[in-house]
Protein backbone atom coordinates (compact mmCIF):
# COMPACT_ATOMS: atom_id res chain seq x y z
CA MET A 1 -28.80 -14.32 -13.68
CA ILE A 2 -27.36 -17.74 -14.59
CA SER A 3 -29.55 -20.33 -16.29
CA SER A 4 -29.07 -24.06 -15.89
CA ASN A 5 -27.87 -24.23 -19.50
CA GLN A 6 -25.35 -21.41 -19.15
CA ASN A 7 -22.15 -21.76 -17.20
CA THR A 8 -20.69 -18.35 -17.98
CA ILE A 9 -21.66 -14.87 -16.87
CA THR A 10 -21.91 -11.95 -19.26
CA PHE A 11 -21.32 -8.35 -18.22
CA LYS A 12 -24.90 -7.42 -19.12
CA SER A 13 -26.40 -10.12 -16.92
CA ALA A 14 -23.99 -9.76 -13.98
CA PRO A 15 -22.32 -6.31 -13.77
CA ILE A 16 -21.52 -6.78 -10.06
CA VAL A 17 -19.58 -9.98 -10.78
CA ASN A 18 -17.59 -8.32 -13.55
CA ALA A 19 -16.94 -5.20 -11.49
CA THR A 20 -15.71 -7.39 -8.62
CA MET A 21 -13.37 -9.29 -10.97
CA PHE A 22 -11.96 -5.99 -12.21
CA ILE A 23 -11.34 -4.77 -8.64
CA GLU A 24 -9.91 -8.10 -7.45
CA ASP A 25 -7.32 -8.11 -10.25
CA ARG A 26 -6.15 -4.57 -9.44
CA VAL A 27 -4.74 -4.26 -5.94
CA LEU A 28 -4.78 -0.44 -6.03
CA LEU A 29 -8.50 -0.27 -6.73
CA ASN A 30 -9.10 -2.93 -4.10
CA LYS A 31 -7.26 -0.93 -1.46
CA ALA A 32 -8.76 2.38 -2.65
CA LEU A 33 -12.24 1.18 -1.81
CA LEU A 34 -11.17 -0.21 1.56
CA ASP A 35 -9.23 2.95 2.46
CA THR A 36 -12.17 5.18 1.55
CA ALA A 37 -14.47 3.29 3.91
CA THR A 38 -12.00 2.91 6.79
CA SER A 39 -10.73 6.51 6.55
CA THR A 40 -14.28 7.82 6.88
CA SER A 41 -14.76 5.78 10.04
CA ILE A 42 -11.36 6.82 11.44
CA ILE A 43 -12.14 10.52 10.89
CA LEU A 44 -15.52 10.14 12.61
CA ASN A 45 -13.78 8.47 15.57
CA ALA A 46 -11.28 11.33 16.03
CA ASN A 47 -10.97 12.77 19.55
CA ASN A 48 -11.26 16.44 18.51
CA ARG A 49 -11.49 18.75 15.52
CA ASN A 50 -7.71 19.13 15.10
CA GLU A 51 -7.18 15.38 14.98
CA ALA A 52 -10.12 14.97 12.58
CA GLU A 53 -8.59 17.57 10.23
CA GLU A 54 -5.24 15.77 10.35
CA ARG A 55 -6.88 12.42 9.63
CA LEU A 56 -8.77 13.97 6.71
CA ARG A 57 -5.61 15.54 5.22
CA ARG A 58 -3.69 12.32 5.66
CA SER A 59 -6.43 10.27 4.01
CA PHE A 60 -6.84 12.71 1.14
CA ILE A 61 -3.09 12.89 0.43
CA GLY A 62 -2.70 9.11 0.63
CA TRP A 63 -5.80 8.33 -1.41
CA ALA A 64 -5.15 10.88 -4.14
CA THR A 65 -1.47 9.99 -4.42
CA ALA A 66 -1.85 6.21 -4.43
CA PHE A 67 -5.03 5.85 -6.43
CA LEU A 68 -5.52 8.96 -8.61
CA THR A 69 -2.08 10.25 -9.58
CA PRO A 70 -1.05 6.90 -11.20
CA LEU A 71 -3.80 7.47 -13.77
CA VAL A 72 -1.87 10.59 -14.85
CA THR A 73 1.77 9.93 -13.94
CA LEU A 74 2.10 6.32 -15.15
CA PRO A 75 0.88 6.87 -18.74
CA LEU A 76 3.17 9.90 -18.92
CA THR A 77 6.26 8.25 -17.40
CA ASN A 78 5.71 5.15 -19.57
CA LYS A 79 5.86 7.30 -22.70
CA LEU A 80 8.85 9.30 -21.45
CA ALA A 81 10.74 6.11 -20.62
CA MET A 82 9.94 4.48 -23.98
CA LYS A 83 11.05 7.56 -25.92
CA HIS A 84 14.01 8.92 -23.96
CA ILE A 85 15.39 5.97 -21.96
CA ALA A 86 14.63 2.96 -24.12
CA LYS A 87 14.58 5.00 -27.35
CA LEU A 88 12.13 2.47 -28.76
CA THR A 89 9.57 5.05 -29.90
CA LYS A 90 9.76 8.46 -31.55
CA SER A 91 6.44 9.93 -30.48
CA TYR A 92 4.54 10.21 -27.21
CA PHE A 93 1.37 9.36 -29.12
CA SER A 94 2.71 6.26 -30.83
CA LYS A 95 0.83 3.03 -30.17
CA ASP A 96 4.26 1.39 -29.90
CA ASN A 97 4.37 2.77 -26.35
CA ASN A 98 2.05 -0.09 -25.43
CA LEU A 99 5.09 -2.37 -25.51
CA VAL A 100 5.78 -1.18 -21.96
CA LYS A 101 2.82 -3.37 -20.93
CA LEU A 102 4.85 -6.49 -21.76
CA SER A 103 5.12 -8.61 -18.61
CA ASN A 104 8.52 -8.84 -16.93
CA LYS A 105 8.31 -12.62 -17.26
CA TYR A 106 9.09 -12.13 -20.96
CA LEU A 107 12.23 -10.12 -20.21
CA THR A 108 14.26 -13.08 -18.97
CA SER A 109 15.77 -13.86 -22.39
CA ALA A 110 15.65 -12.80 -26.04
CA GLU A 111 13.54 -15.85 -26.89
CA ALA A 112 11.05 -15.04 -24.14
CA THR A 113 10.87 -11.40 -25.29
CA LYS A 114 10.11 -12.52 -28.84
CA GLN A 115 7.36 -14.80 -27.57
CA GLY A 116 5.89 -12.04 -25.42
CA ILE A 117 5.88 -9.50 -28.24
CA GLU A 118 4.20 -12.01 -30.55
CA GLU A 119 1.45 -12.58 -27.99
CA LEU A 120 1.01 -8.85 -27.31
CA SER A 121 0.96 -8.23 -31.07
CA LYS A 122 -2.52 -9.77 -31.12
CA LYS A 123 -3.68 -6.45 -29.62
CA TYR A 124 -1.00 -4.02 -30.86
CA ASN A 125 1.28 -3.75 -33.89
CA PHE A 126 4.99 -3.54 -33.00
CA SER A 127 6.38 -4.13 -36.47
CA GLU A 128 8.05 -0.71 -36.56
CA ILE A 129 9.95 -1.33 -33.30
CA ILE A 130 11.09 -4.76 -34.52
CA LYS A 131 12.16 -3.30 -37.85
CA ASN A 132 14.04 -0.35 -36.31
CA ASN A 133 15.98 -2.76 -34.09
CA ASN A 134 16.80 -5.16 -36.96
CA ASN A 135 14.80 -8.02 -35.41
CA ASP A 136 17.28 -8.04 -32.52
CA TYR A 137 15.08 -9.14 -29.61
CA GLU A 138 17.99 -9.08 -27.15
CA LYS A 139 18.49 -5.41 -27.94
CA ILE A 140 14.77 -4.74 -27.48
CA ARG A 141 14.80 -6.71 -24.23
CA LYS A 142 17.61 -4.66 -22.70
CA LYS A 143 16.04 -1.38 -23.76
CA LEU A 144 12.68 -2.39 -22.36
CA ILE A 145 14.22 -3.46 -19.04
CA ASN A 146 15.81 -0.02 -18.70
CA ALA A 147 12.50 1.68 -19.45
CA LYS A 148 10.37 -0.42 -17.08
CA MET A 149 12.81 -0.23 -14.16
CA SER A 150 13.06 3.54 -14.59
CA VAL A 151 9.28 3.82 -14.39
CA LEU A 152 9.21 1.66 -11.25
CA ALA A 153 11.97 3.72 -9.60
CA PHE A 154 10.14 6.97 -10.35
CA ASP A 155 6.87 5.55 -9.04
CA PHE A 156 8.55 4.41 -5.82
CA LEU A 157 10.16 7.84 -5.28
CA PHE A 158 7.24 10.06 -6.31
CA THR A 159 4.33 8.14 -4.83
CA THR A 160 5.99 7.09 -1.57
CA SER A 161 7.41 10.54 -0.80
CA LEU A 162 4.00 12.15 -1.33
CA MET A 163 2.09 9.58 0.74
CA ALA A 164 4.58 9.74 3.63
CA SER A 165 4.63 13.55 3.54
CA ALA A 166 1.16 13.59 5.13
CA GLY A 167 2.60 13.14 8.63
CA PHE A 168 5.18 15.90 8.22
CA ILE A 169 2.60 18.24 6.64
CA ASN A 170 0.17 17.64 9.51
CA ARG A 171 2.90 18.26 12.05
CA TYR A 172 3.72 21.62 10.42
CA ILE A 173 0.12 22.82 9.89
CA THR A 174 -1.06 21.91 13.40
CA ARG A 175 1.99 23.58 14.92
CA LYS A 176 1.32 26.79 12.98
CA LYS A 177 -2.43 26.71 13.67
CA THR A 178 -2.45 25.86 17.39
CA GLY A 179 1.05 26.70 18.58
CA LYS A 180 1.32 23.18 20.04
CA ASP A 181 3.96 20.56 19.25
CA GLY A 182 2.11 17.62 20.77
CA PHE A 183 -0.08 14.86 19.37
CA SER A 184 -3.36 16.46 18.22
CA ALA A 185 -5.49 13.62 19.62
CA GLU A 186 -4.49 14.71 23.13
CA PHE A 187 -5.43 18.41 22.89
CA ASN A 188 -8.76 18.09 24.75
CA MET A 189 -7.46 15.53 27.22
CA ALA A 190 -4.89 17.71 29.02
CA ASN A 191 -3.67 21.30 29.27
CA LYS A 192 -1.00 22.70 26.95
CA ASN A 193 1.82 22.24 29.47
CA VAL A 194 1.21 18.49 29.76
CA VAL A 195 0.84 18.08 25.97
CA GLU A 196 4.05 20.05 25.31
CA LYS A 197 6.02 18.19 27.95
CA ARG A 198 5.01 14.86 26.39
CA ALA A 199 6.43 16.10 23.06
CA GLU A 200 9.72 17.62 24.30
CA LYS A 201 11.88 14.54 23.77
CA PHE A 202 10.63 13.91 20.25
CA LYS A 203 11.06 17.51 19.13
CA LYS A 204 14.81 17.22 19.82
CA THR A 205 15.15 14.29 17.40
CA GLU A 206 12.98 15.75 14.63
CA LYS A 207 15.85 16.36 12.18
CA LEU A 208 17.35 12.90 12.74
CA ARG A 209 13.99 11.22 12.10
CA ASN A 210 13.52 13.21 8.89
CA ASN A 211 16.92 12.02 7.65
CA ILE A 212 16.17 8.39 8.50
CA PHE A 213 13.02 8.56 6.38
CA ILE A 214 14.90 10.11 3.44
CA ALA A 215 17.46 7.29 3.63
CA SER A 216 14.76 4.59 3.60
CA LEU A 217 13.04 6.31 0.66
CA LEU A 218 16.26 6.41 -1.37
CA LEU A 219 16.90 2.73 -0.58
CA LEU A 220 13.46 1.82 -1.92
CA THR A 221 14.01 3.95 -5.02
CA ALA A 222 17.30 2.18 -5.73
CA SER A 223 15.75 -1.30 -5.44
CA PRO A 224 14.76 -1.47 -9.17
CA LEU A 225 18.50 -1.47 -9.91
CA LEU A 226 18.65 -4.95 -8.33
CA LEU A 227 15.76 -6.08 -10.50
CA ARG A 228 17.50 -4.66 -13.57
CA ARG A 229 20.76 -6.39 -12.68
CA GLY A 230 19.01 -9.71 -12.08
CA LEU A 231 17.17 -9.56 -15.42
CA LEU A 232 20.29 -8.63 -17.39
CA LYS A 233 22.62 -11.22 -15.82
CA ASP A 234 22.75 -14.68 -17.39
CA SER A 235 23.34 -16.62 -14.17
CA GLY A 236 23.75 -16.37 -10.41
CA LYS A 237 21.41 -16.54 -7.41
CA LEU A 238 20.19 -12.97 -7.85
CA SER A 239 19.42 -13.58 -11.52
CA GLU A 240 17.55 -16.82 -10.78
CA PHE A 241 15.50 -15.21 -8.01
CA VAL A 242 14.62 -12.07 -9.98
CA LYS A 243 13.68 -13.93 -13.16
CA LYS A 244 11.47 -16.28 -11.17
CA HIS A 245 9.57 -13.47 -9.47
CA ALA A 246 9.90 -10.65 -12.04
CA SER A 247 6.22 -10.73 -13.02
CA LYS A 248 5.25 -9.71 -9.47
CA PHE A 249 6.53 -6.24 -10.37
CA ASP A 250 4.30 -5.86 -13.44
CA TYR A 251 1.67 -3.14 -13.71
CA ASN A 252 -1.88 -4.07 -14.69
CA ASP A 253 -2.72 -2.06 -17.82
CA GLY A 254 0.68 -0.40 -17.41
CA ILE A 255 -0.84 1.67 -14.57
CA PHE A 256 -1.95 -0.34 -11.54
CA MET A 257 0.86 -1.55 -9.28
CA LYS A 258 0.70 -5.14 -8.05
CA ARG A 259 0.62 -6.35 -4.46
CA LEU A 260 4.33 -6.93 -3.73
CA PRO A 261 5.75 -3.57 -4.92
CA PHE A 262 2.78 -1.82 -3.33
CA LEU A 263 3.61 -3.54 -0.04
CA LEU A 264 7.23 -2.35 -0.25
CA MET A 265 6.01 1.18 -0.96
CA ALA A 266 3.50 0.98 1.91
CA ILE A 267 6.23 -0.13 4.36
CA VAL A 268 8.43 2.88 3.58
CA THR A 269 5.38 5.17 3.68
CA ASP A 270 4.52 3.83 7.13
CA ILE A 271 8.11 4.36 8.28
CA GLY A 272 7.74 8.03 7.28
CA LEU A 273 4.40 8.38 9.07
CA ILE A 274 5.78 6.80 12.26
CA LEU A 275 8.91 8.97 12.17
CA SER A 276 6.75 12.10 11.88
CA SER A 277 5.15 11.30 15.26
CA ARG A 278 5.27 13.94 17.99
CA ASN A 279 5.48 11.77 21.11
CA GLN A 280 5.66 8.16 22.23
CA THR A 281 1.88 7.75 22.27
CA GLU A 282 1.58 8.86 18.63
CA VAL A 283 4.35 6.40 17.74
CA LYS A 284 2.27 3.60 19.28
CA ASP A 285 -0.88 4.89 17.61
CA ASN A 286 0.76 5.01 14.18
CA ALA A 287 2.59 1.72 14.62
CA VAL A 288 -0.53 -0.21 15.67
CA ARG A 289 -2.87 1.50 13.21
CA LEU A 290 -0.54 1.15 10.22
CA SER A 291 0.74 -2.35 10.96
CA ALA A 292 -2.82 -3.58 11.55
CA THR A 293 -3.94 -1.99 8.29
CA GLN A 294 -1.11 -3.52 6.26
CA ALA A 295 -1.37 -6.90 7.99
CA ALA A 296 -5.12 -6.99 7.39
CA PHE A 297 -4.87 -6.03 3.75
CA PHE A 298 -1.69 -7.87 2.75
CA GLY A 299 -2.24 -11.01 4.83
CA GLY A 300 -5.49 -10.87 6.72
CA ASP A 301 -7.54 -10.70 3.55
CA ILE A 302 -5.84 -13.88 2.29
CA ILE A 303 -6.50 -15.71 5.56
CA ILE A 304 -10.13 -14.54 5.73
CA GLY A 305 -10.68 -15.32 2.04
CA SER A 306 -9.16 -18.80 2.34
CA THR A 307 -11.23 -19.56 5.45
CA LEU A 308 -14.47 -18.42 3.81
CA ALA A 309 -13.67 -20.43 0.67
CA ALA A 310 -12.94 -23.56 2.72
CA ILE A 311 -16.26 -23.22 4.57
CA SER A 312 -18.09 -22.69 1.28
CA ASP A 313 -16.42 -25.70 -0.36
CA LYS A 314 -17.31 -27.92 2.59
CA PHE A 315 -20.90 -26.89 3.23
CA PHE A 316 -22.09 -25.51 -0.13
CA LYS A 317 -20.15 -27.90 -2.39
CA THR A 318 -18.37 -25.12 -4.29
CA GLU A 319 -14.84 -25.38 -5.73
CA LEU A 320 -13.19 -22.13 -4.69
CA LEU A 321 -9.88 -23.39 -3.27
CA ASP A 322 -7.09 -24.04 -5.75
CA LYS A 323 -6.28 -27.71 -5.15
CA ASN A 324 -3.78 -27.79 -8.04
CA CYS A 325 -1.50 -25.09 -6.61
CA ASN A 326 2.15 -25.66 -5.70
CA LYS A 327 2.25 -27.53 -2.38
CA ASN A 328 4.71 -25.24 -0.59
CA TRP A 329 4.45 -24.57 3.15
CA ILE A 330 2.48 -21.34 2.72
CA ASN A 331 -0.14 -22.97 0.52
CA LYS A 332 -0.40 -25.90 2.92
CA LEU A 333 -0.95 -23.49 5.81
CA ILE A 334 -3.28 -21.12 3.92
CA PRO A 335 -4.80 -22.85 0.86
CA PRO A 336 -5.06 -20.26 -1.94
CA ILE A 337 -8.36 -19.44 -3.61
CA LYS A 338 -8.94 -19.26 -7.35
CA PRO A 339 -9.32 -15.80 -8.91
CA ILE A 340 -12.94 -14.95 -9.72
CA ARG A 341 -12.04 -14.62 -13.41
CA ASP A 342 -11.08 -18.33 -13.50
CA LEU A 343 -14.38 -19.50 -12.03
CA GLN A 344 -17.71 -20.20 -13.67
CA GLY A 345 -21.38 -20.47 -12.80
CA LYS A 346 -22.22 -20.96 -9.14
CA ASN A 347 -18.56 -20.78 -8.10
CA LYS A 348 -18.15 -17.35 -9.68
CA SER A 349 -21.29 -15.99 -7.99
CA VAL A 350 -20.37 -17.35 -4.55
CA ALA A 351 -16.77 -16.10 -4.84
CA THR A 352 -18.07 -12.62 -5.69
CA GLY A 353 -20.23 -12.56 -2.57
CA LEU A 354 -17.40 -13.82 -0.36
CA PHE A 355 -15.07 -11.14 -1.77
CA TRP A 356 -17.36 -8.44 -0.35
CA VAL A 357 -17.82 -10.32 2.93
CA ASN A 358 -14.02 -10.30 3.17
CA MET A 359 -13.91 -6.55 2.51
CA LEU A 360 -16.59 -5.94 5.16
CA ALA A 361 -14.61 -7.95 7.72
CA LEU A 362 -11.47 -5.92 6.96
CA PHE A 363 -13.46 -2.69 7.34
CA GLY A 364 -14.72 -3.82 10.74
CA ILE A 365 -11.18 -4.53 11.95
CA ILE A 366 -9.42 -1.48 10.50
CA GLY A 367 -12.21 1.09 10.57
CA ILE A 368 -13.99 0.30 13.85
CA VAL A 369 -12.15 -2.02 16.23
CA ILE A 370 -8.63 -0.56 15.87
CA PRO A 371 -9.63 3.16 16.17
CA LYS A 372 -11.73 2.56 19.30
CA MET A 373 -8.96 0.50 20.89
CA LEU A 374 -6.34 3.18 20.14
CA ASN A 375 -8.52 5.99 21.49
CA ARG A 376 -8.65 4.18 24.83
CA MET A 377 -4.87 3.72 24.72
CA ILE A 378 -4.29 7.45 24.05
CA LYS A 379 -6.57 8.50 26.92
CA HIS A 380 -4.86 6.05 29.27
CA ASP A 381 -1.39 7.43 28.41
CA VAL A 382 -2.47 11.06 28.82
CA ASP A 383 -4.38 10.41 32.05
CA LYS A 384 -1.27 8.82 33.53
CA ASP A 385 0.80 11.95 32.82
CA VAL A 386 -1.99 14.27 33.98
CA HIS A 387 -2.21 12.35 37.24
CA ALA A 388 1.56 12.56 37.70
CA GLN A 389 1.51 16.32 36.98
CA ASN A 390 -1.35 16.90 39.44
CA LYS A 391 0.54 14.95 42.09
CA VAL A 392 3.62 17.12 41.61
CA GLU A 393 1.56 20.33 41.80
CA THR A 394 -0.28 19.11 44.90
CA ASN A 395 2.99 18.32 46.69
CA PHE A 396 4.45 21.67 45.61
CA ASN A 397 1.47 23.65 46.96
CA LYS A 398 1.28 21.73 50.25
CA PRO A 399 2.24 23.84 53.30
CA PRO A 400 5.45 22.59 54.95
CA LYS A 401 5.09 20.43 58.05
CA MET A 402 6.73 21.53 61.33
CA GLU A 403 8.94 18.41 61.45
CA ASP A 404 10.20 19.18 57.94
CA PHE A 405 11.10 22.71 59.06
CA ILE A 406 12.91 21.41 62.17
CA ASN A 407 14.84 18.81 60.13
CA LYS A 408 16.00 21.50 57.72
C-alpha cells in the first residue's frame, strides 16, 4: 500500500511491484514466463498425441536451455574465462571473478575501464587484480574484453544449438516411433500414403538443410569477434558503432542475456526449427508461429506497452511515457515508456498493472489466436491433397468408356 505521505514502495509493502521490476529488467525471465503460458496452450491445441508430444519436447528443450542452463553454465564459463582466457584471477572461487559483471560501456577505453572498476568496487574489492596488473587499466580492459566475448560466443553456440536441436530431435523420434516422415500434426487428417507423399520432396533435401543451419550457427558464434574488434580498435565506423551499442550485449548479474543478443540467438534458433520441417505445410506453420512469437515479444510488447502507457497518461494523468528520450524516428513513432524501477508512487503501481496486461495480450495472440489459425491452415492444406488423391483413385478405378476403347 502507498500512503499519501510516501512516494516510494518497499518490498514488504508491495512484493508484486518489486517482483515485476525484477522480471521487467531481465528479458530471459520475462520470456520464460510468457513461453510457459503459451507453450501450455499450444500443447493443448495440438491435433493429435504425436504432435502434442513433439510440442512438449520442443517447449521443454527450449525452456530448460534458455532459462535454466544459464544459471549453471554462465557462472561457470565466467569463471573459466576470467581464469584461463583473461588470466585475471587465480581461483574459481575468487570474488575477483565478479569483474566480469563490468558493463561493456566501460570497455571503450582505459579511462572508462578505470571509472567502471571504481564504481563496481563499491560492491566488490578488485585491489588484487589492479595490483597484479600494475595499475595498467588498458591491460585489464583488453583482458576483460577477451573474457567477455569468449563467454558470449560460447553462450551463442551452446544455447542456440540446443534450442534449435528440438526440431531435429522431434523429427528423429517421431520417425522411429511411427515409421512416418511427415508432419505429425497431419497424422489423423490423412492416411500414411498421403502424409508420406507430402514429405517426399523435403526428405531429399534433409542433409542440405542441416548444413545450412550449421553454417548460420557458426556465423552467429563468430559475431562476438566483431564486437571484440570494435572495442579494441581506436577509430573507424565499426569501432564507433560497437562502442556506442556495446552495453546492449551486457548480461544482467553476469547471467541473464539482454534483448538484442537474445533476439539474434532466437533468429538462428528459428532458422534451425524451420529447416527441420518435414513438408511445406510445417514450414509455413513454423514460419508463422515463430515469426509471430518473436515479433510479439521483441516488438509487439513495445507497441502494446507504449499504447497502454499513452492511454493511461491521457485519461488517468500518469507519467509513464519517457518525454525526455532521444527524439529519433523510432521514438517518435513508438514513444518509449519509463522502466518501472524509475517510477514512483501511483506511476509505479499503474505501470506494474499495465505490464501484466501487456503479458496477457501477448499470451492471447501467441497462445490462442495463432495456434487456432494454424490448425485451420494445416487442415486446409491436407484436405486439398486428400481430395486430389481421391480424385486420382476415382479416375483410376472408373470402368473404361466404349468411346475410349474405340479411340485406342
